[in-house]
C-alpha atoms as a PDB file:
ATOM      1  CA  MET A   1     -12.789 -39.292 -25.688  1.00  0.00           C
ATOM      2  CA  SER A   2     -13.227 -35.888 -24.265  1.00  0.00           C
ATOM      3  CA  GLU A   3     -13.101 -32.591 -26.065  1.00  0.00           C
ATOM      4  CA  LYS A   4     -14.702 -31.230 -22.877  1.00  0.00           C
ATOM      5  CA  THR A   5     -11.685 -32.279 -20.785  1.00  0.00           C
ATOM      6  CA  PHE A   6      -9.234 -30.840 -23.321  1.00  0.00           C
ATOM      7  CA  LYS A   7     -11.050 -27.485 -23.190  1.00  0.00           C
ATOM      8  CA  ALA A   8     -11.120 -27.571 -19.375  1.00  0.00           C
ATOM      9  CA  ILE A   9      -7.340 -28.101 -19.254  1.00  0.00           C
ATOM     10  CA  LYS A  10      -6.702 -25.239 -21.688  1.00  0.00           C
ATOM     11  CA  GLN A  11      -9.005 -22.963 -19.689  1.00  0.00           C
ATOM     12  CA  LEU A  12      -7.240 -23.891 -16.429  1.00  0.00           C
ATOM     13  CA  LEU A  13      -3.769 -23.290 -17.890  1.00  0.00           C
ATOM     14  CA  ASP A  14      -4.820 -19.983 -19.490  1.00  0.00           C
ATOM     15  CA  LYS A  15      -6.370 -18.861 -16.180  1.00  0.00           C
ATOM     16  CA  HIS A  16      -3.009 -19.456 -14.490  1.00  0.00           C
ATOM     17  CA  ASN A  17      -1.154 -17.786 -17.381  1.00  0.00           C
ATOM     18  CA  VAL A  18       1.280 -20.664 -17.920  1.00  0.00           C
ATOM     19  CA  SER A  19       3.041 -21.641 -21.119  1.00  0.00           C
ATOM     20  CA  TYR A  20       2.020 -24.855 -22.821  1.00  0.00           C
ATOM     21  CA  ALA A  21       1.995 -26.376 -26.284  1.00  0.00           C
ATOM     22  CA  VAL A  22      -0.684 -28.457 -27.979  1.00  0.00           C
ATOM     23  CA  MET A  23       0.147 -31.147 -30.528  1.00  0.00           C
ATOM     24  CA  GLU A  24      -2.362 -32.959 -32.699  1.00  0.00           C
ATOM     25  CA  HIS A  25      -1.224 -36.346 -34.013  1.00  0.00           C
ATOM     26  CA  GLU A  26      -2.434 -39.774 -35.018  1.00  0.00           C
ATOM     27  CA  PRO A  27      -4.293 -41.556 -32.201  1.00  0.00           C
ATOM     28  CA  VAL A  28      -1.997 -43.216 -29.649  1.00  0.00           C
ATOM     29  CA  HIS A  29      -2.802 -45.662 -26.865  1.00  0.00           C
ATOM     30  CA  THR A  30       0.548 -46.382 -25.168  1.00  0.00           C
ATOM     31  CA  SER A  31       3.441 -44.352 -23.798  1.00  0.00           C
ATOM     32  CA  GLU A  32       5.692 -45.808 -26.490  1.00  0.00           C
ATOM     33  CA  GLU A  33       3.316 -44.773 -29.303  1.00  0.00           C
ATOM     34  CA  ALA A  34       3.004 -41.303 -27.779  1.00  0.00           C
ATOM     35  CA  ALA A  35       6.788 -40.908 -27.539  1.00  0.00           C
ATOM     36  CA  LYS A  36       7.120 -41.771 -31.237  1.00  0.00           C
ATOM     37  CA  VAL A  37       4.505 -39.298 -32.488  1.00  0.00           C
ATOM     38  CA  ARG A  38       5.717 -36.495 -30.242  1.00  0.00           C
ATOM     39  CA  GLY A  39       9.047 -36.658 -32.056  1.00  0.00           C
ATOM     40  CA  TYR A  40      11.571 -37.009 -29.235  1.00  0.00           C
ATOM     41  CA  GLY A  41      12.622 -40.589 -29.837  1.00  0.00           C
ATOM     42  CA  ILE A  42      11.524 -43.490 -27.678  1.00  0.00           C
ATOM     43  CA  LYS A  43      13.964 -43.071 -24.776  1.00  0.00           C
ATOM     44  CA  GLU A  44      13.643 -39.291 -24.358  1.00  0.00           C
ATOM     45  CA  GLY A  45       9.943 -39.286 -25.214  1.00  0.00           C
ATOM     46  CA  MET A  46       9.133 -41.942 -22.638  1.00  0.00           C
ATOM     47  CA  LYS A  47      10.989 -39.989 -19.923  1.00  0.00           C
ATOM     48  CA  ARG A  48       9.073 -36.797 -20.803  1.00  0.00           C
ATOM     49  CA  GLY A  49       5.730 -38.594 -20.814  1.00  0.00           C
ATOM     50  CA  ALA A  50       3.419 -38.447 -17.819  1.00  0.00           C
ATOM     51  CA  LYS A  51       1.181 -41.502 -17.389  1.00  0.00           C
ATOM     52  CA  ALA A  52      -1.988 -40.662 -15.494  1.00  0.00           C
ATOM     53  CA  MET A  53      -3.809 -43.530 -13.806  1.00  0.00           C
ATOM     54  CA  ILE A  54      -6.968 -43.418 -11.744  1.00  0.00           C
ATOM     55  CA  MET A  55      -6.870 -45.826  -8.828  1.00  0.00           C
ATOM     56  CA  ARG A  56      -9.533 -47.046  -6.416  1.00  0.00           C
ATOM     57  CA  SER A  57      -9.150 -47.679  -2.696  1.00  0.00           C
ATOM     58  CA  SER A  58     -11.954 -48.292  -0.203  1.00  0.00           C
ATOM     59  CA  GLY A  59     -14.573 -46.639  -2.410  1.00  0.00           C
ATOM     60  CA  LYS A  60     -12.479 -43.515  -3.062  1.00  0.00           C
ATOM     61  CA  PHE A  61     -10.533 -42.540  -6.172  1.00  0.00           C
ATOM     62  CA  TYR A  62      -7.007 -41.187  -6.530  1.00  0.00           C
ATOM     63  CA  GLN A  63      -4.832 -40.254  -9.477  1.00  0.00           C
ATOM     64  CA  PHE A  64      -1.209 -41.374  -9.697  1.00  0.00           C
ATOM     65  CA  ILE A  65       1.192 -39.839 -12.223  1.00  0.00           C
ATOM     66  CA  VAL A  66       4.398 -41.650 -13.154  1.00  0.00           C
ATOM     67  CA  PRO A  67       6.953 -41.097 -15.927  1.00  0.00           C
ATOM     68  CA  GLY A  68       6.188 -42.814 -19.222  1.00  0.00           C
ATOM     69  CA  ASP A  69       9.304 -44.965 -18.944  1.00  0.00           C
ATOM     70  CA  LYS A  70       8.268 -46.354 -15.538  1.00  0.00           C
ATOM     71  CA  LYS A  71       5.413 -48.356 -14.051  1.00  0.00           C
ATOM     72  CA  ILE A  72       3.400 -47.592 -10.968  1.00  0.00           C
ATOM     73  CA  ASP A  73       4.640 -49.522  -7.951  1.00  0.00           C
ATOM     74  CA  MET A  74       1.389 -50.732  -6.428  1.00  0.00           C
ATOM     75  CA  LYS A  75       2.984 -51.478  -3.038  1.00  0.00           C
ATOM     76  CA  LYS A  76       4.454 -47.966  -2.732  1.00  0.00           C
ATOM     77  CA  ALA A  77       1.217 -46.318  -3.877  1.00  0.00           C
ATOM     78  CA  ARG A  78      -0.911 -48.415  -1.525  1.00  0.00           C
ATOM     79  CA  LYS A  79       1.452 -47.590   1.352  1.00  0.00           C
ATOM     80  CA  ALA A  80       1.177 -43.842   0.578  1.00  0.00           C
ATOM     81  CA  LEU A  81      -2.580 -44.102   1.095  1.00  0.00           C
ATOM     82  CA  SER A  82      -2.304 -46.481   4.071  1.00  0.00           C
ATOM     83  CA  ALA A  83      -4.751 -48.593   2.099  1.00  0.00           C
ATOM     84  CA  THR A  84      -5.600 -52.254   2.499  1.00  0.00           C
ATOM     85  CA  SER A  85      -7.415 -52.522  -0.842  1.00  0.00           C
ATOM     86  CA  PHE A  86      -5.980 -50.800  -3.895  1.00  0.00           C
ATOM     87  CA  SER A  87      -6.506 -51.314  -7.633  1.00  0.00           C
ATOM     88  CA  LEU A  88      -6.827 -49.615 -10.982  1.00  0.00           C
ATOM     89  CA  ALA A  89     -10.239 -48.080 -11.560  1.00  0.00           C
ATOM     90  CA  SER A  90     -12.274 -49.895 -14.184  1.00  0.00           C
ATOM     91  CA  PRO A  91     -12.593 -48.388 -17.673  1.00  0.00           C
ATOM     92  CA  GLU A  92     -16.220 -47.562 -16.842  1.00  0.00           C
ATOM     93  CA  GLU A  93     -15.237 -45.785 -13.611  1.00  0.00           C
ATOM     94  CA  VAL A  94     -12.504 -43.816 -15.411  1.00  0.00           C
ATOM     95  CA  LYS A  95     -14.982 -42.708 -18.085  1.00  0.00           C
ATOM     96  CA  LYS A  96     -17.608 -41.736 -15.498  1.00  0.00           C
ATOM     97  CA  LEU A  97     -15.116 -39.752 -13.361  1.00  0.00           C
ATOM     98  CA  SER A  98     -13.081 -38.041 -16.075  1.00  0.00           C
ATOM     99  CA  ASP A  99     -15.124 -38.232 -19.277  1.00  0.00           C
ATOM    100  CA  CYS A 100     -11.981 -39.847 -20.768  1.00  0.00           C
ATOM    101  CA  VAL A 101     -11.113 -43.340 -21.890  1.00  0.00           C
ATOM    102  CA  ILE A 102      -8.065 -45.167 -20.598  1.00  0.00           C
ATOM    103  CA  GLY A 103      -4.926 -43.946 -22.345  1.00  0.00           C
ATOM    104  CA  SER A 104      -6.238 -40.409 -22.812  1.00  0.00           C
ATOM    105  CA  VAL A 105      -6.596 -39.362 -19.154  1.00  0.00           C
ATOM    106  CA  PRO A 106      -4.599 -36.178 -18.428  1.00  0.00           C
ATOM    107  CA  PRO A 107      -2.671 -35.608 -15.186  1.00  0.00           C
ATOM    108  CA  PHE A 108      -5.266 -33.192 -13.817  1.00  0.00           C
ATOM    109  CA  GLY A 109      -7.259 -35.167 -11.246  1.00  0.00           C
ATOM    110  CA  ASN A 110      -7.963 -31.825  -9.592  1.00  0.00           C
ATOM    111  CA  LEU A 111     -10.438 -31.133 -12.433  1.00  0.00           C
ATOM    112  CA  TRP A 112     -12.583 -33.944 -10.998  1.00  0.00           C
ATOM    113  CA  ASP A 113     -11.795 -33.385  -7.304  1.00  0.00           C
ATOM    114  CA  ILE A 114      -9.578 -36.474  -7.228  1.00  0.00           C
ATOM    115  CA  PRO A 115      -6.416 -36.239  -5.073  1.00  0.00           C
ATOM    116  CA  VAL A 116      -3.266 -36.401  -7.221  1.00  0.00           C
ATOM    117  CA  TYR A 117      -0.060 -38.246  -6.276  1.00  0.00           C
ATOM    118  CA  ALA A 118       2.957 -37.653  -8.519  1.00  0.00           C
ATOM    119  CA  ASP A 119       6.178 -39.590  -8.764  1.00  0.00           C
ATOM    120  CA  LYS A 120       9.347 -37.694  -7.844  1.00  0.00           C
ATOM    121  CA  HIS A 121      11.027 -38.990 -11.019  1.00  0.00           C
ATOM    122  CA  LEU A 122       8.852 -36.939 -13.407  1.00  0.00           C
ATOM    123  CA  ASN A 123      10.810 -34.996 -16.026  1.00  0.00           C
ATOM    124  CA  ALA A 124      11.180 -31.180 -15.824  1.00  0.00           C
ATOM    125  CA  THR A 125       9.072 -31.013 -19.000  1.00  0.00           C
ATOM    126  CA  LEU A 126       5.855 -33.041 -19.124  1.00  0.00           C
ATOM    127  CA  ASP A 127       4.147 -34.422 -22.217  1.00  0.00           C
ATOM    128  CA  PHE A 128       0.703 -35.890 -21.637  1.00  0.00           C
ATOM    129  CA  SER A 129      -2.527 -36.948 -23.285  1.00  0.00           C
ATOM    130  CA  ALA A 130      -5.065 -34.169 -23.038  1.00  0.00           C
ATOM    131  CA  GLY A 131      -8.349 -36.052 -22.859  1.00  0.00           C
ATOM    132  CA  LEU A 132      -8.114 -37.265 -26.452  1.00  0.00           C
ATOM    133  CA  HIS A 133      -5.950 -40.018 -27.972  1.00  0.00           C
ATOM    134  CA  GLU A 134      -4.931 -37.651 -30.778  1.00  0.00           C
ATOM    135  CA  VAL A 135      -4.012 -34.563 -28.709  1.00  0.00           C
ATOM    136  CA  SER A 136      -0.969 -34.116 -26.479  1.00  0.00           C
ATOM    137  CA  MET A 137       0.107 -31.165 -24.397  1.00  0.00           C
ATOM    138  CA  THR A 138       3.508 -30.109 -23.104  1.00  0.00           C
ATOM    139  CA  MET A 139       4.253 -27.894 -20.121  1.00  0.00           C
ATOM    140  CA  SER A 140       6.812 -27.483 -17.373  1.00  0.00           C
ATOM    141  CA  LEU A 141       6.656 -29.698 -14.317  1.00  0.00           C
ATOM    142  CA  ALA A 142       7.019 -26.606 -12.123  1.00  0.00           C
ATOM    143  CA  ASP A 143       3.910 -24.970 -13.611  1.00  0.00           C
ATOM    144  CA  TRP A 144       1.974 -28.234 -13.459  1.00  0.00           C
ATOM    145  CA  LYS A 145       2.836 -28.659  -9.760  1.00  0.00           C
ATOM    146  CA  LYS A 146       1.666 -25.095  -8.970  1.00  0.00           C
ATOM    147  CA  ILE A 147      -1.714 -25.752 -10.576  1.00  0.00           C
ATOM    148  CA  VAL A 148      -2.368 -29.367  -9.562  1.00  0.00           C
ATOM    149  CA  LYS A 149      -0.677 -29.334  -6.135  1.00  0.00           C
ATOM    150  CA  PRO A 150       0.085 -33.062  -6.128  1.00  0.00           C
ATOM    151  CA  VAL A 151       1.436 -35.081  -3.246  1.00  0.00           C
ATOM    152  CA  MET A 152       4.979 -35.869  -4.394  1.00  0.00           C
ATOM    153  CA  GLY A 153       6.647 -39.190  -3.586  1.00  0.00           C
ATOM    154  CA  ASP A 154       8.284 -42.335  -4.894  1.00  0.00           C
ATOM    155  CA  PHE A 155       5.478 -44.280  -6.581  1.00  0.00           C
ATOM    156  CA  SER A 156       7.259 -45.945  -9.518  1.00  0.00           C
ATOM    157  CA  ARG A 157       9.527 -48.816 -10.396  1.00  0.00           C
END
């Protein structure tokens, strides 16, 4: 788990002078657990959540962000990259690239020079893991998009 990544996110957000909130809580490993501890209820909390997944295609890595109440649609994501091979990065690859373990990866692939693709169904307010299973952050989608500059599209089901 990465205190280093958490600090890098805070530094990036402060540099861009955007509003955000930090919440410390019991460790969580799923979108459902995160929704519960963040206090919005399962349905609302899952919609606000941003799941960040690192994917691999032809030796390159990409990050896809989808709402917590949805799943990545592998066919749509693969088509967006015009890729023939496409899969989730291994836990070891995720750790090496992001210094985070699966379930704690934040939606800031730009911190690691990984292109970011974001689903058009993301909520106007994003809640996400911040490099640690016991730390979440909240910020506006608009501010996040200005900083991360993701490719927006339909990548979920």
